[in-house]
Amino acid sequence: MINNNFKETIVPLSIGLTCLASVVLGNNAEASTLFTANLSGSQQVPVNASTATGFASVLLNNAEDEITVNVSYSGVASTLVAGHIHNGAAGTNGPVIFGFTGLPVGTSGIIPEQIFSINPLQVQSLQNGLFYVNLHNANFPGGEIRGQLQAAVPEHSLSIFGLVSAMGLAAGLKRKQIKVSKKTAQVKK
């Protein structure tokens, strides 16, 4: 049986150390930037009733001259005939910027990782939320599911969360130390 004092100290300590690690390691100034999108028929223009879903991630490298794209999907009406990243704000259609190759056969799948060179103007559009992923098939030639790419939670936000958590942990441990000291003082009397 584990002592309650052990659980009350070690569990918060391990959480705090994990958060502290995110503070220390999360401030890497040369980190790549991650963008993600949840794909659905409700984001298509015009909207469609597809129940298919998908997820896309785009990793912009440190030099901001290359992106790595990963896309998965499930439940599309028929095998994909095309998949793209388009330039266009939510609610509008835009031109194809990057086309995917090696599309899998079937109604669910993972598109093989794609790597594309990207120029500064395209980087600006990506960072401003103007790129979207669109998957097309014979049933929905204009696209069955779509998702607007948005920056994932920035690392510094996680680091601030980690710092606040670590500070809370330190305060909690200090209170614990005071309680233990008072109990020790009472036992000695």
N, C-alpha and C. Protein backbone atom coordinates (compact mmCIF):
# COMPACT_ATOMS: atom_id res chain seq x y z
N MET A 1 0.85 -1.19 0.00
CA MET A 1 0.00 0.00 0.00
C MET A 1 0.89 1.25 0.00
N ILE A 2 0.54 2.19 -0.86
CA ILE A 2 1.35 3.41 -0.97
C ILE A 2 0.89 4.43 0.05
N ASN A 3 1.82 5.00 0.76
CA ASN A 3 1.56 6.03 1.75
C ASN A 3 0.91 7.24 1.07
N ASN A 4 -0.11 7.84 1.72
CA ASN A 4 -0.80 8.99 1.14
C ASN A 4 0.14 10.17 0.94
N ASN A 5 1.07 10.38 1.89
CA ASN A 5 2.02 11.48 1.72
C ASN A 5 2.86 11.29 0.47
N PHE A 6 3.22 10.03 0.19
CA PHE A 6 3.99 9.72 -1.01
C PHE A 6 3.19 10.09 -2.25
N LYS A 7 1.91 9.66 -2.31
CA LYS A 7 1.05 9.96 -3.47
C LYS A 7 0.83 11.46 -3.61
N GLU A 8 0.63 12.13 -2.47
CA GLU A 8 0.36 13.57 -2.51
C GLU A 8 1.58 14.37 -2.92
N THR A 9 2.76 13.81 -2.77
CA THR A 9 3.98 14.53 -3.12
C THR A 9 4.51 14.11 -4.48
N ILE A 10 4.63 12.82 -4.74
CA ILE A 10 5.26 12.33 -5.97
C ILE A 10 4.41 12.60 -7.21
N VAL A 11 3.10 12.39 -7.12
CA VAL A 11 2.25 12.61 -8.30
C VAL A 11 2.32 14.07 -8.75
N PRO A 12 2.06 15.05 -7.85
CA PRO A 12 2.18 16.44 -8.29
C PRO A 12 3.60 16.79 -8.74
N LEU A 13 4.60 16.20 -8.07
CA LEU A 13 5.98 16.48 -8.46
C LEU A 13 6.27 16.01 -9.87
N SER A 14 5.80 14.81 -10.22
CA SER A 14 6.04 14.30 -11.58
C SER A 14 5.30 15.14 -12.61
N ILE A 15 4.09 15.57 -12.28
CA ILE A 15 3.34 16.45 -13.20
C ILE A 15 4.09 17.77 -13.37
N GLY A 16 4.55 18.31 -12.25
CA GLY A 16 5.28 19.58 -12.29
C GLY A 16 6.57 19.49 -13.07
N LEU A 17 7.31 18.40 -12.89
CA LEU A 17 8.56 18.23 -13.63
C LEU A 17 8.29 18.11 -15.12
N THR A 18 7.20 17.44 -15.50
CA THR A 18 6.83 17.35 -16.90
C THR A 18 6.52 18.74 -17.45
N CYS A 19 5.77 19.52 -16.69
CA CYS A 19 5.44 20.88 -17.12
C CYS A 19 6.69 21.75 -17.19
N LEU A 20 7.58 21.58 -16.20
CA LEU A 20 8.82 22.34 -16.20
C LEU A 20 9.66 22.00 -17.42
N ALA A 21 9.68 20.72 -17.80
CA ALA A 21 10.41 20.31 -19.00
C ALA A 21 9.84 21.00 -20.23
N SER A 22 8.52 21.18 -20.26
CA SER A 22 7.93 21.87 -21.42
C SER A 22 8.35 23.33 -21.45
N VAL A 23 8.57 23.93 -20.26
CA VAL A 23 9.05 25.31 -20.20
C VAL A 23 10.45 25.40 -20.75
N VAL A 24 11.32 24.50 -20.30
CA VAL A 24 12.72 24.53 -20.70
C VAL A 24 12.89 24.13 -22.15
N LEU A 25 12.25 23.03 -22.56
CA LEU A 25 12.42 22.52 -23.91
C LEU A 25 11.50 23.18 -24.92
N GLY A 26 10.42 23.78 -24.46
CA GLY A 26 9.42 24.34 -25.37
C GLY A 26 9.79 25.68 -25.93
N ASN A 27 10.86 26.28 -25.48
CA ASN A 27 11.25 27.60 -25.97
C ASN A 27 12.29 27.54 -27.07
N ASN A 28 12.27 26.49 -27.86
CA ASN A 28 13.21 26.33 -28.96
C ASN A 28 12.86 27.33 -30.05
N ALA A 29 13.68 28.33 -30.25
CA ALA A 29 13.40 29.40 -31.22
C ALA A 29 13.41 28.89 -32.65
N GLU A 30 14.03 27.73 -32.89
CA GLU A 30 14.13 27.22 -34.25
C GLU A 30 13.11 26.12 -34.53
N ALA A 31 12.04 26.07 -33.78
CA ALA A 31 11.04 25.02 -33.95
C ALA A 31 10.25 25.23 -35.23
N SER A 32 9.88 24.14 -35.88
CA SER A 32 9.01 24.19 -37.03
C SER A 32 7.62 24.58 -36.57
N THR A 33 6.78 25.01 -37.51
CA THR A 33 5.41 25.42 -37.18
C THR A 33 4.43 24.40 -37.74
N LEU A 34 3.52 23.97 -36.89
CA LEU A 34 2.53 22.97 -37.26
C LEU A 34 1.18 23.63 -37.53
N PHE A 35 0.55 23.22 -38.63
CA PHE A 35 -0.80 23.66 -38.99
C PHE A 35 -1.65 22.41 -39.12
N THR A 36 -2.90 22.47 -38.69
CA THR A 36 -3.78 21.31 -38.76
C THR A 36 -5.16 21.71 -39.27
N ALA A 37 -5.89 20.70 -39.76
CA ALA A 37 -7.27 20.92 -40.21
C ALA A 37 -8.08 19.66 -40.01
N ASN A 38 -9.30 19.82 -39.54
CA ASN A 38 -10.28 18.74 -39.51
C ASN A 38 -11.13 18.91 -40.76
N LEU A 39 -11.25 17.85 -41.55
CA LEU A 39 -11.97 17.92 -42.83
C LEU A 39 -13.39 17.39 -42.67
N SER A 40 -14.34 18.07 -43.33
CA SER A 40 -15.74 17.64 -43.32
C SER A 40 -16.47 18.22 -44.52
N GLY A 41 -17.64 17.64 -44.81
CA GLY A 41 -18.48 18.15 -45.89
C GLY A 41 -19.08 19.50 -45.57
N SER A 42 -19.24 19.79 -44.29
CA SER A 42 -19.85 21.07 -43.89
C SER A 42 -18.96 22.27 -44.18
N GLN A 43 -17.67 22.02 -44.46
CA GLN A 43 -16.76 23.12 -44.79
C GLN A 43 -16.62 23.33 -46.30
N GLN A 44 -17.23 22.42 -47.08
CA GLN A 44 -17.18 22.56 -48.54
C GLN A 44 -17.97 23.80 -48.98
N VAL A 45 -17.62 24.31 -50.14
CA VAL A 45 -18.35 25.43 -50.74
C VAL A 45 -18.79 24.99 -52.13
N PRO A 46 -20.10 24.71 -52.31
CA PRO A 46 -21.16 24.75 -51.31
C PRO A 46 -21.07 23.55 -50.35
N VAL A 47 -21.73 23.71 -49.20
CA VAL A 47 -21.77 22.66 -48.16
C VAL A 47 -22.43 21.42 -48.74
N ASN A 48 -21.96 20.23 -48.33
CA ASN A 48 -22.63 18.99 -48.73
C ASN A 48 -22.94 18.16 -47.48
N ALA A 49 -23.73 17.11 -47.66
CA ALA A 49 -24.19 16.29 -46.53
C ALA A 49 -23.29 15.09 -46.25
N SER A 50 -22.09 15.06 -46.79
CA SER A 50 -21.19 13.93 -46.56
C SER A 50 -20.92 13.74 -45.07
N THR A 51 -20.88 12.49 -44.66
CA THR A 51 -20.53 12.17 -43.27
C THR A 51 -19.05 11.79 -43.14
N ALA A 52 -18.31 11.88 -44.23
CA ALA A 52 -16.88 11.57 -44.21
C ALA A 52 -16.14 12.57 -43.33
N THR A 53 -15.00 12.12 -42.83
CA THR A 53 -14.16 12.99 -42.01
C THR A 53 -12.71 12.82 -42.44
N GLY A 54 -11.90 13.75 -42.05
CA GLY A 54 -10.48 13.66 -42.34
C GLY A 54 -9.69 14.57 -41.42
N PHE A 55 -8.38 14.37 -41.44
CA PHE A 55 -7.48 15.20 -40.65
C PHE A 55 -6.23 15.45 -41.49
N ALA A 56 -5.74 16.67 -41.46
CA ALA A 56 -4.52 17.03 -42.18
C ALA A 56 -3.58 17.77 -41.25
N SER A 57 -2.29 17.50 -41.43
CA SER A 57 -1.26 18.28 -40.72
C SER A 57 -0.24 18.75 -41.74
N VAL A 58 0.19 19.97 -41.56
CA VAL A 58 1.20 20.58 -42.43
C VAL A 58 2.28 21.14 -41.51
N LEU A 59 3.50 20.67 -41.70
CA LEU A 59 4.62 21.13 -40.90
C LEU A 59 5.51 22.02 -41.77
N LEU A 60 5.58 23.29 -41.39
CA LEU A 60 6.44 24.26 -42.08
C LEU A 60 7.81 24.19 -41.42
N ASN A 61 8.86 23.94 -42.23
CA ASN A 61 10.20 23.77 -41.66
C ASN A 61 10.76 25.08 -41.11
N ASN A 62 11.89 24.97 -40.41
CA ASN A 62 12.53 26.12 -39.77
C ASN A 62 12.88 27.22 -40.77
N ALA A 63 13.35 26.83 -41.94
CA ALA A 63 13.76 27.80 -42.95
C ALA A 63 12.56 28.43 -43.67
N GLU A 64 11.37 27.90 -43.42
CA GLU A 64 10.13 28.36 -44.05
C GLU A 64 10.20 28.30 -45.57
N ASP A 65 10.80 27.19 -46.08
CA ASP A 65 10.86 27.01 -47.53
C ASP A 65 10.35 25.63 -47.96
N GLU A 66 9.82 24.86 -47.00
CA GLU A 66 9.32 23.52 -47.31
C GLU A 66 8.24 23.12 -46.31
N ILE A 67 7.21 22.43 -46.84
CA ILE A 67 6.17 21.90 -45.96
C ILE A 67 6.09 20.38 -46.13
N THR A 68 5.75 19.72 -45.05
CA THR A 68 5.52 18.28 -45.05
C THR A 68 4.05 18.08 -44.71
N VAL A 69 3.33 17.37 -45.58
CA VAL A 69 1.88 17.24 -45.45
C VAL A 69 1.50 15.79 -45.19
N ASN A 70 0.62 15.58 -44.21
CA ASN A 70 0.06 14.27 -43.91
C ASN A 70 -1.45 14.41 -43.84
N VAL A 71 -2.15 13.49 -44.52
CA VAL A 71 -3.62 13.54 -44.57
C VAL A 71 -4.17 12.13 -44.39
N SER A 72 -5.19 12.03 -43.55
CA SER A 72 -5.93 10.77 -43.41
C SER A 72 -7.41 11.10 -43.54
N TYR A 73 -8.20 10.11 -43.96
CA TYR A 73 -9.63 10.34 -44.16
C TYR A 73 -10.38 9.03 -43.97
N SER A 74 -11.68 9.16 -43.74
CA SER A 74 -12.51 7.99 -43.51
C SER A 74 -13.93 8.25 -44.00
N GLY A 75 -14.50 7.25 -44.68
CA GLY A 75 -15.91 7.30 -45.04
C GLY A 75 -16.28 8.13 -46.26
N VAL A 76 -15.32 8.40 -47.15
CA VAL A 76 -15.70 9.14 -48.36
C VAL A 76 -16.58 8.24 -49.24
N ALA A 77 -17.37 8.84 -50.12
CA ALA A 77 -18.35 8.12 -50.92
C ALA A 77 -17.73 7.18 -51.95
N SER A 78 -16.56 7.52 -52.45
CA SER A 78 -15.86 6.67 -53.42
C SER A 78 -14.37 7.02 -53.39
N THR A 79 -13.57 6.20 -54.08
CA THR A 79 -12.12 6.40 -54.12
C THR A 79 -11.78 7.83 -54.56
N LEU A 80 -10.79 8.41 -53.92
CA LEU A 80 -10.37 9.77 -54.27
C LEU A 80 -9.82 9.82 -55.68
N VAL A 81 -10.14 10.90 -56.38
CA VAL A 81 -9.56 11.15 -57.70
C VAL A 81 -8.56 12.30 -57.63
N ALA A 82 -8.64 13.09 -56.55
CA ALA A 82 -7.71 14.21 -56.38
C ALA A 82 -7.72 14.67 -54.93
N GLY A 83 -6.61 15.22 -54.54
CA GLY A 83 -6.47 15.85 -53.23
C GLY A 83 -5.51 17.01 -53.38
N HIS A 84 -5.84 18.12 -52.76
CA HIS A 84 -5.05 19.34 -52.96
C HIS A 84 -5.00 20.18 -51.70
N ILE A 85 -4.04 21.11 -51.73
CA ILE A 85 -4.08 22.27 -50.85
C ILE A 85 -4.42 23.45 -51.76
N HIS A 86 -5.47 24.16 -51.39
CA HIS A 86 -5.92 25.32 -52.15
C HIS A 86 -5.61 26.59 -51.37
N ASN A 87 -5.58 27.72 -52.07
CA ASN A 87 -5.44 29.02 -51.43
C ASN A 87 -6.81 29.68 -51.47
N GLY A 88 -7.40 29.88 -50.28
CA GLY A 88 -8.71 30.53 -50.19
C GLY A 88 -9.17 30.59 -48.76
N ALA A 89 -9.83 31.67 -48.41
CA ALA A 89 -10.36 31.83 -47.06
C ALA A 89 -11.52 30.87 -46.83
N ALA A 90 -11.84 30.61 -45.58
CA ALA A 90 -12.99 29.78 -45.24
C ALA A 90 -14.23 30.37 -45.91
N GLY A 91 -15.04 29.50 -46.49
CA GLY A 91 -16.27 29.95 -47.15
C GLY A 91 -16.09 30.37 -48.59
N THR A 92 -14.85 30.32 -49.09
CA THR A 92 -14.60 30.65 -50.50
C THR A 92 -13.78 29.53 -51.14
N ASN A 93 -13.90 29.41 -52.45
CA ASN A 93 -13.08 28.47 -53.20
C ASN A 93 -11.88 29.21 -53.77
N GLY A 94 -10.77 28.50 -53.89
CA GLY A 94 -9.56 29.12 -54.42
C GLY A 94 -8.79 28.15 -55.28
N PRO A 95 -7.72 28.64 -55.90
CA PRO A 95 -6.94 27.81 -56.81
C PRO A 95 -6.11 26.75 -56.07
N VAL A 96 -5.82 25.68 -56.81
CA VAL A 96 -4.95 24.63 -56.28
C VAL A 96 -3.53 25.17 -56.20
N ILE A 97 -2.88 24.94 -55.05
CA ILE A 97 -1.49 25.35 -54.87
C ILE A 97 -0.57 24.12 -54.88
N PHE A 98 -0.98 23.06 -54.18
CA PHE A 98 -0.20 21.83 -54.11
C PHE A 98 -1.13 20.64 -54.35
N GLY A 99 -0.75 19.75 -55.29
CA GLY A 99 -1.54 18.56 -55.57
C GLY A 99 -0.90 17.33 -54.97
N PHE A 100 -1.73 16.45 -54.39
CA PHE A 100 -1.22 15.22 -53.76
C PHE A 100 -1.06 14.12 -54.80
N THR A 101 -0.05 13.29 -54.61
CA THR A 101 0.18 12.13 -55.48
C THR A 101 0.06 10.86 -54.65
N GLY A 102 -0.11 9.74 -55.31
CA GLY A 102 -0.15 8.44 -54.63
C GLY A 102 -1.41 8.22 -53.81
N LEU A 103 -2.54 8.76 -54.28
CA LEU A 103 -3.78 8.62 -53.53
C LEU A 103 -4.17 7.15 -53.39
N PRO A 104 -4.55 6.71 -52.18
CA PRO A 104 -4.92 5.31 -51.98
C PRO A 104 -6.29 4.97 -52.59
N VAL A 105 -6.48 3.70 -52.86
CA VAL A 105 -7.76 3.21 -53.36
C VAL A 105 -8.64 2.88 -52.15
N GLY A 106 -9.91 3.22 -52.23
CA GLY A 106 -10.84 2.90 -51.14
C GLY A 106 -11.47 4.14 -50.55
N THR A 107 -12.39 3.91 -49.62
CA THR A 107 -13.15 5.02 -49.04
C THR A 107 -12.54 5.55 -47.73
N SER A 108 -11.49 4.92 -47.26
CA SER A 108 -10.76 5.39 -46.09
C SER A 108 -9.28 5.15 -46.34
N GLY A 109 -8.45 6.02 -45.84
CA GLY A 109 -7.03 5.79 -46.05
C GLY A 109 -6.15 6.92 -45.56
N ILE A 110 -4.87 6.72 -45.83
CA ILE A 110 -3.84 7.71 -45.49
C ILE A 110 -3.09 8.04 -46.77
N ILE A 111 -3.09 9.30 -47.12
CA ILE A 111 -2.35 9.74 -48.29
C ILE A 111 -0.86 9.73 -47.91
N PRO A 112 -0.01 9.14 -48.76
CA PRO A 112 1.42 9.12 -48.42
C PRO A 112 1.94 10.53 -48.15
N GLU A 113 2.87 10.63 -47.21
CA GLU A 113 3.44 11.94 -46.86
C GLU A 113 3.89 12.67 -48.12
N GLN A 114 3.57 13.93 -48.18
CA GLN A 114 3.90 14.79 -49.31
C GLN A 114 4.83 15.90 -48.84
N ILE A 115 5.84 16.22 -49.65
CA ILE A 115 6.75 17.32 -49.32
C ILE A 115 6.77 18.29 -50.49
N PHE A 116 6.57 19.57 -50.18
CA PHE A 116 6.51 20.60 -51.21
C PHE A 116 7.41 21.77 -50.84
N SER A 117 8.03 22.38 -51.85
CA SER A 117 8.72 23.65 -51.66
C SER A 117 7.66 24.73 -51.55
N ILE A 118 7.92 25.74 -50.73
CA ILE A 118 6.95 26.81 -50.52
C ILE A 118 7.68 28.15 -50.55
N ASN A 119 7.06 29.13 -51.18
CA ASN A 119 7.70 30.45 -51.29
C ASN A 119 7.16 31.39 -50.20
N PRO A 120 7.82 32.53 -49.99
CA PRO A 120 7.41 33.44 -48.91
C PRO A 120 5.95 33.92 -48.99
N LEU A 121 5.44 34.17 -50.20
CA LEU A 121 4.04 34.58 -50.34
C LEU A 121 3.09 33.47 -49.89
N GLN A 122 3.43 32.22 -50.25
CA GLN A 122 2.62 31.08 -49.83
C GLN A 122 2.71 30.88 -48.31
N VAL A 123 3.89 31.08 -47.75
CA VAL A 123 4.05 30.97 -46.30
C VAL A 123 3.12 31.97 -45.60
N GLN A 124 3.08 33.19 -46.12
CA GLN A 124 2.22 34.22 -45.54
C GLN A 124 0.75 33.79 -45.61
N SER A 125 0.33 33.22 -46.74
CA SER A 125 -1.06 32.75 -46.87
C SER A 125 -1.34 31.63 -45.87
N LEU A 126 -0.40 30.69 -45.74
CA LEU A 126 -0.56 29.59 -44.79
C LEU A 126 -0.68 30.14 -43.37
N GLN A 127 0.19 31.04 -42.99
CA GLN A 127 0.18 31.60 -41.64
C GLN A 127 -1.08 32.43 -41.37
N ASN A 128 -1.67 32.97 -42.41
CA ASN A 128 -2.89 33.79 -42.27
C ASN A 128 -4.17 32.96 -42.38
N GLY A 129 -4.05 31.63 -42.43
CA GLY A 129 -5.23 30.78 -42.46
C GLY A 129 -5.93 30.73 -43.80
N LEU A 130 -5.20 30.99 -44.88
CA LEU A 130 -5.81 31.05 -46.21
C LEU A 130 -5.61 29.77 -47.03
N PHE A 131 -5.03 28.75 -46.45
CA PHE A 131 -4.87 27.47 -47.16
C PHE A 131 -5.89 26.47 -46.62
N TYR A 132 -6.44 25.66 -47.52
CA TYR A 132 -7.32 24.59 -47.09
C TYR A 132 -7.01 23.31 -47.84
N VAL A 133 -7.29 22.18 -47.18
CA VAL A 133 -7.10 20.87 -47.79
C VAL A 133 -8.45 20.42 -48.31
N ASN A 134 -8.47 19.87 -49.54
CA ASN A 134 -9.72 19.45 -50.17
C ASN A 134 -9.51 18.09 -50.83
N LEU A 135 -10.43 17.14 -50.54
CA LEU A 135 -10.36 15.81 -51.13
C LEU A 135 -11.55 15.61 -52.06
N HIS A 136 -11.27 15.17 -53.30
CA HIS A 136 -12.27 15.06 -54.37
C HIS A 136 -12.44 13.60 -54.80
N ASN A 137 -13.65 13.25 -55.23
CA ASN A 137 -13.91 11.94 -55.84
C ASN A 137 -14.99 12.09 -56.90
N ALA A 138 -15.35 10.97 -57.55
CA ALA A 138 -16.34 11.02 -58.64
C ALA A 138 -17.71 11.48 -58.15
N ASN A 139 -18.08 11.14 -56.93
CA ASN A 139 -19.37 11.56 -56.39
C ASN A 139 -19.40 13.05 -56.05
N PHE A 140 -18.25 13.58 -55.69
CA PHE A 140 -18.13 14.99 -55.32
C PHE A 140 -16.92 15.59 -56.05
N PRO A 141 -17.09 15.87 -57.35
CA PRO A 141 -15.94 16.36 -58.13
C PRO A 141 -15.40 17.71 -57.64
N GLY A 142 -16.25 18.49 -57.00
CA GLY A 142 -15.80 19.77 -56.45
C GLY A 142 -15.17 19.63 -55.07
N GLY A 143 -15.20 18.42 -54.54
CA GLY A 143 -14.63 18.15 -53.22
C GLY A 143 -15.68 17.59 -52.28
N GLU A 144 -15.35 16.46 -51.63
CA GLU A 144 -16.28 15.89 -50.66
C GLU A 144 -16.04 16.42 -49.25
N ILE A 145 -14.76 16.53 -48.87
CA ILE A 145 -14.46 17.09 -47.55
C ILE A 145 -13.33 18.10 -47.66
N ARG A 146 -13.39 19.05 -46.75
CA ARG A 146 -12.46 20.17 -46.79
C ARG A 146 -12.17 20.60 -45.36
N GLY A 147 -10.96 21.15 -45.16
CA GLY A 147 -10.61 21.70 -43.85
C GLY A 147 -9.64 22.85 -43.98
N GLN A 148 -9.91 23.93 -43.29
CA GLN A 148 -9.06 25.12 -43.30
C GLN A 148 -7.87 24.88 -42.38
N LEU A 149 -6.67 25.08 -42.88
CA LEU A 149 -5.46 24.90 -42.08
C LEU A 149 -5.27 26.08 -41.12
N GLN A 150 -5.06 25.75 -39.85
CA GLN A 150 -4.85 26.75 -38.82
C GLN A 150 -3.61 26.37 -38.01
N ALA A 151 -2.91 27.36 -37.53
CA ALA A 151 -1.73 27.08 -36.69
C ALA A 151 -2.17 26.32 -35.45
N ALA A 152 -1.41 25.29 -35.12
CA ALA A 152 -1.67 24.55 -33.88
C ALA A 152 -1.25 25.43 -32.72
N VAL A 153 -1.57 25.04 -31.48
CA VAL A 153 -1.23 25.84 -30.31
C VAL A 153 0.27 26.11 -30.31
N PRO A 154 0.66 27.38 -30.27
CA PRO A 154 2.09 27.70 -30.29
C PRO A 154 2.81 27.13 -29.08
N GLU A 155 4.06 26.75 -29.29
CA GLU A 155 4.86 26.17 -28.21
C GLU A 155 4.98 27.11 -27.02
N HIS A 156 5.10 28.41 -27.25
CA HIS A 156 5.27 29.31 -26.12
C HIS A 156 4.03 29.34 -25.24
N SER A 157 2.84 29.09 -25.81
CA SER A 157 1.63 29.02 -24.99
C SER A 157 1.71 27.81 -24.07
N LEU A 158 2.18 26.69 -24.62
CA LEU A 158 2.35 25.50 -23.79
C LEU A 158 3.40 25.74 -22.73
N SER A 159 4.45 26.48 -23.09
CA SER A 159 5.51 26.76 -22.13
C SER A 159 5.00 27.65 -21.01
N ILE A 160 4.17 28.63 -21.33
CA ILE A 160 3.58 29.48 -20.29
C ILE A 160 2.70 28.63 -19.38
N PHE A 161 1.91 27.72 -19.98
CA PHE A 161 1.09 26.81 -19.19
C PHE A 161 1.99 25.99 -18.27
N GLY A 162 3.09 25.49 -18.81
CA GLY A 162 4.02 24.70 -18.02
C GLY A 162 4.61 25.51 -16.87
N LEU A 163 4.96 26.77 -17.14
CA LEU A 163 5.53 27.63 -16.11
C LEU A 163 4.52 27.88 -15.00
N VAL A 164 3.28 28.20 -15.37
CA VAL A 164 2.23 28.44 -14.38
C VAL A 164 2.00 27.17 -13.56
N SER A 165 1.96 26.02 -14.24
CA SER A 165 1.76 24.75 -13.53
C SER A 165 2.91 24.47 -12.57
N ALA A 166 4.13 24.73 -13.01
CA ALA A 166 5.29 24.51 -12.15
C ALA A 166 5.25 25.44 -10.94
N MET A 167 4.82 26.69 -11.15
CA MET A 167 4.72 27.63 -10.04
C MET A 167 3.66 27.15 -9.05
N GLY A 168 2.53 26.65 -9.57
CA GLY A 168 1.48 26.11 -8.71
C GLY A 168 1.97 24.91 -7.93
N LEU A 169 2.75 24.08 -8.59
CA LEU A 169 3.32 22.91 -7.93
C LEU A 169 4.25 23.34 -6.80
N ALA A 170 5.10 24.32 -7.08
CA ALA A 170 6.04 24.79 -6.06
C ALA A 170 5.29 25.34 -4.85
N ALA A 171 4.23 26.09 -5.10
CA ALA A 171 3.43 26.63 -4.00
C ALA A 171 2.77 25.49 -3.23
N GLY A 172 2.27 24.49 -3.94
CA GLY A 172 1.64 23.34 -3.30
C GLY A 172 2.63 22.56 -2.45
N LEU A 173 3.82 22.36 -2.97
CA LEU A 173 4.84 21.64 -2.20
C LEU A 173 5.26 22.44 -0.97
N LYS A 174 5.32 23.77 -1.11
CA LYS A 174 5.67 24.62 0.03
C LYS A 174 4.61 24.48 1.12
N ARG A 175 3.31 24.50 0.73
CA ARG A 175 2.22 24.30 1.69
C ARG A 175 2.35 22.93 2.35
N LYS A 176 2.68 21.93 1.55
CA LYS A 176 2.84 20.56 2.06
C LYS A 176 3.98 20.52 3.06
N GLN A 177 5.07 21.23 2.75
CA GLN A 177 6.22 21.26 3.64
C GLN A 177 5.84 21.92 4.96
N ILE A 178 5.05 22.99 4.90
CA ILE A 178 4.61 23.69 6.11
C ILE A 178 3.74 22.76 6.95
N LYS A 179 2.80 22.03 6.30
CA LYS A 179 1.94 21.10 7.04
C LYS A 179 2.78 20.01 7.70
N VAL A 180 3.74 19.47 6.97
CA VAL A 180 4.61 18.43 7.52
C VAL A 180 5.40 18.99 8.70
N SER A 181 5.92 20.21 8.56
CA SER A 181 6.70 20.84 9.63
C SER A 181 5.84 21.02 10.88
N LYS A 182 4.57 21.45 10.70
CA LYS A 182 3.67 21.65 11.84
C LYS A 182 3.38 20.31 12.52
N LYS A 183 3.16 19.26 11.72
CA LYS A 183 2.90 17.93 12.28
C LYS A 183 4.11 17.44 13.04
N THR A 184 5.30 17.67 12.50
CA THR A 184 6.53 17.25 13.15
C THR A 184 6.69 17.99 14.46
N ALA A 185 6.38 19.28 14.45
CA ALA A 185 6.49 20.08 15.67
C ALA A 185 5.50 19.58 16.72
N GLN A 186 4.29 19.19 16.31
CA GLN A 186 3.30 18.69 17.26
C GLN A 186 3.73 17.35 17.84
N VAL A 187 4.35 16.50 17.03
CA VAL A 187 4.80 15.19 17.49
C VAL A 187 5.91 15.35 18.51
N LYS A 188 6.80 16.32 18.30
CA LYS A 188 7.93 16.53 19.19
C LYS A 188 7.49 17.04 20.56
N LYS A 189 6.34 17.71 20.66
CA LYS A 189 5.86 18.26 21.93
C LYS A 189 5.53 17.21 22.86
